[in-house]
C-alpha atoms as a PDB file:
ATOM      1  CA  MET A   1     -97.368  -4.809  31.624  1.00  0.00           C
ATOM      2  CA  GLU A   2     -96.102  -4.660  35.160  1.00  0.00           C
ATOM      3  CA  GLU A   3     -96.525  -1.353  37.417  1.00  0.00           C
ATOM      4  CA  LEU A   4     -93.984   0.400  37.415  1.00  0.00           C
ATOM      5  CA  PRO A   5     -92.957   1.972  41.383  1.00  0.00           C
ATOM      6  CA  THR A   6     -94.811   5.456  41.667  1.00  0.00           C
ATOM      7  CA  LYS A   7     -91.716   8.327  42.174  1.00  0.00           C
ATOM      8  CA  LEU A   8     -91.706   9.986  45.936  1.00  0.00           C
ATOM      9  CA  THR A   9     -90.507  13.584  45.967  1.00  0.00           C
ATOM     10  CA  PHE A  10     -87.827  14.707  48.826  1.00  0.00           C
ATOM     11  CA  GLU A  11     -90.037  15.061  51.153  1.00  0.00           C
ATOM     12  CA  GLN A  12     -91.469  11.806  50.633  1.00  0.00           C
ATOM     13  CA  GLN A  13     -88.873   9.611  51.124  1.00  0.00           C
ATOM     14  CA  LEU A  14     -87.409  11.442  54.174  1.00  0.00           C
ATOM     15  CA  ASN A  15     -90.661  10.312  55.087  1.00  0.00           C
ATOM     16  CA  LEU A  16     -89.934   6.669  54.287  1.00  0.00           C
ATOM     17  CA  PHE A  17     -87.050   7.165  55.868  1.00  0.00           C
ATOM     18  CA  LYS A  18     -88.807   8.208  59.038  1.00  0.00           C
ATOM     19  CA  GLU A  19     -90.760   5.216  58.279  1.00  0.00           C
ATOM     20  CA  ARG A  20     -87.961   2.622  58.793  1.00  0.00           C
ATOM     21  CA  GLY A  21     -87.268   4.155  62.208  1.00  0.00           C
ATOM     22  CA  VAL A  22     -84.280   7.159  60.912  1.00  0.00           C
ATOM     23  CA  ASN A  23     -84.567  10.342  63.117  1.00  0.00           C
ATOM     24  CA  VAL A  24     -85.079  12.844  60.435  1.00  0.00           C
ATOM     25  CA  GLN A  25     -85.608  16.125  61.114  1.00  0.00           C
ATOM     26  CA  ILE A  26     -87.853  17.110  57.511  1.00  0.00           C
ATOM     27  CA  ASP A  27     -86.973  20.536  56.960  1.00  0.00           C
ATOM     28  CA  ASP A  28     -85.455  22.513  54.178  1.00  0.00           C
ATOM     29  CA  ARG A  29     -81.509  20.521  54.956  1.00  0.00           C
ATOM     30  CA  SER A  30     -82.978  17.469  55.543  1.00  0.00           C
ATOM     31  CA  ILE A  31     -83.999  17.820  51.685  1.00  0.00           C
ATOM     32  CA  ASN A  32     -81.389  19.460  50.625  1.00  0.00           C
ATOM     33  CA  THR A  33     -78.922  16.590  50.635  1.00  0.00           C
ATOM     34  CA  VAL A  34     -81.474  14.325  50.152  1.00  0.00           C
ATOM     35  CA  LYS A  35     -80.748  16.348  46.700  1.00  0.00           C
ATOM     36  CA  ILE A  36     -77.963  16.087  47.188  1.00  0.00           C
ATOM     37  CA  ILE A  37     -76.631  13.215  47.767  1.00  0.00           C
ATOM     38  CA  GLY A  38     -79.910  10.700  46.911  1.00  0.00           C
ATOM     39  CA  TYR A  39     -82.164   8.053  48.893  1.00  0.00           C
ATOM     40  CA  TYR A  40     -79.935   5.609  47.832  1.00  0.00           C
ATOM     41  CA  LYS A  41     -76.751   6.045  48.763  1.00  0.00           C
ATOM     42  CA  LEU A  42     -78.091   7.075  52.094  1.00  0.00           C
ATOM     43  CA  LYS A  43     -80.288   3.753  52.134  1.00  0.00           C
ATOM     44  CA  GLU A  44     -76.419   2.173  51.883  1.00  0.00           C
ATOM     45  CA  PHE A  45     -74.772   4.526  54.693  1.00  0.00           C
ATOM     46  CA  ALA A  46     -77.920   2.658  56.596  1.00  0.00           C
ATOM     47  CA  PHE A  47     -78.070  -0.568  55.829  1.00  0.00           C
ATOM     48  CA  PRO A  48     -74.965  -2.023  57.873  1.00  0.00           C
ATOM     49  CA  LEU A  49     -76.833   0.037  61.074  1.00  0.00           C
ATOM     50  CA  SER A  50     -80.438  -2.312  60.000  1.00  0.00           C
ATOM     51  CA  LYS A  51     -82.033  -5.339  61.051  1.00  0.00           C
ATOM     52  CA  VAL A  52     -85.150  -6.939  58.505  1.00  0.00           C
ATOM     53  CA  VAL A  53     -88.390  -7.024  61.186  1.00  0.00           C
ATOM     54  CA  GLU A  54     -91.685  -7.921  60.636  1.00  0.00           C
ATOM     55  CA  ASP A  55     -93.722  -5.133  60.644  1.00  0.00           C
ATOM     56  CA  ASN A  56     -97.700  -4.988  61.802  1.00  0.00           C
ATOM     57  CA  ASP A  57     -99.273  -6.473  58.722  1.00  0.00           C
ATOM     58  CA  GLY A  58     -96.412  -9.745  58.552  1.00  0.00           C
ATOM     59  CA  ASN A  59     -94.623  -8.316  56.078  1.00  0.00           C
ATOM     60  CA  LYS A  60     -90.843  -8.335  56.307  1.00  0.00           C
ATOM     61  CA  VAL A  61     -89.778  -4.392  56.446  1.00  0.00           C
ATOM     62  CA  ARG A  62     -85.120  -3.575  57.662  1.00  0.00           C
ATOM     63  CA  MET A  63     -85.684  -0.917  60.363  1.00  0.00           C
ATOM     64  CA  LEU A  64     -82.830   0.785  61.713  1.00  0.00           C
ATOM     65  CA  LEU A  65     -81.656  -0.423  64.732  1.00  0.00           C
ATOM     66  CA  SER A  66     -82.274   1.245  68.357  1.00  0.00           C
END
């Protein structure tokens, strides 16, 4: 049986954005924004500003253009 992905807290979702190159402050306002808009909708808005790169382990990940 396939294991389901673990649910991330709103703070963990913001940390994931940070890991992927998004300049975000983790505070009450940012957490509330993720609660209201949602991680996937924010990710959709950022998609045109990103590209696929390889991380240190050789995995392909999408990062924000700098």
